[in-house]
Amino acid sequence: MKRRRRRVGRWLVAIVLFVALGVVAVRLGIENGTPPLATKHQHTPPPAAKADPPLLASVNIKVPGQNQHPQLANGCEMTSLSMLLTAVGHPMSKMTLAGMIAKDPTPLVRGPGGKIISWGNPNVGFVGSESVYSDGFGVYHHPVYELLNRILPGRAVDLTGQSVSAIERQLDRGVPVMIWVNTTLAPTNLFWVTWQTPEGPFTTTLDEHVVLVVGYDSRYFYINNPLTGQADQPVPRANLIGAWRQLGEQAISVKPD
């Protein structure tokens, strides 16, 4: 009986020593920068990001058309913005917006033959007159984005430089998109000029134009065209995409509610 107790006692001592040595080894490993063995939970990979749903076959958002004329000969941007705001339930007139947009006051300087030597920068603010065609140009996306964010804080979306499918996904959400193109709604070689601005040389076409994209299908994009006031105007996809790319792939919209 005593022998058995001695054997049990020896086993208990051995087990205690083994456990104690294990604890010491783990502590030493941590102190020396060697982490303990990772658990299966630590090796669980993060959940995979959800893939975007497939694009719809076609979209058509009904937005009343507006004409920039007769008040705003160079007001395609503010007229398109007015239509966009109407589409998201926050209507504002083109004339109100024209008074709010940032301006670049740099004067127009022409050389021999009427060539533009220097002028403002549409990346800074509206260049020239909004109402007199020959004395004005327009404004690019960034000042319009900033104005939109003032009107709808935190909801302006800058899609500039993104893919065509990014525009289509925004349309899938039920929100139109403003894009910068030219009045022919196709790539153009007409009226390209370079002038000096306070920030450096600037190149564009004087035929610059902005429209509101309200839909698409496999053959066309559909636009509200402020130059004519026409709503839901079909434009061949390749034509509109080419014109948009020539103007730097500029596009803005609004986050859905």
Foldseek 3Di string as FASTA:
>chain_A
DVVVVVVVVVVVVVVVVVVVVVVVVQVVCVVVVHHDDDDPVVVDDDDDDDDDDDFDQKFFFDFQFAACPDAFPQQQPLRQVQRQCVQQPRHDDSVVVVVVFDEDPFAFDADPPRATAAWADLAGTFTFDRRDLVGGAGHAQNSVQVVVCVVVPPWKFWCFPHDPVVQSVVLVVVGKKKFKFFPVLFDDPAQWHWYAHPVGIDIDHSRIHIWIFRMDHPFWTFTRGNNVRDGRHTDGPNGNVRRRVRVRRTMMITHHD
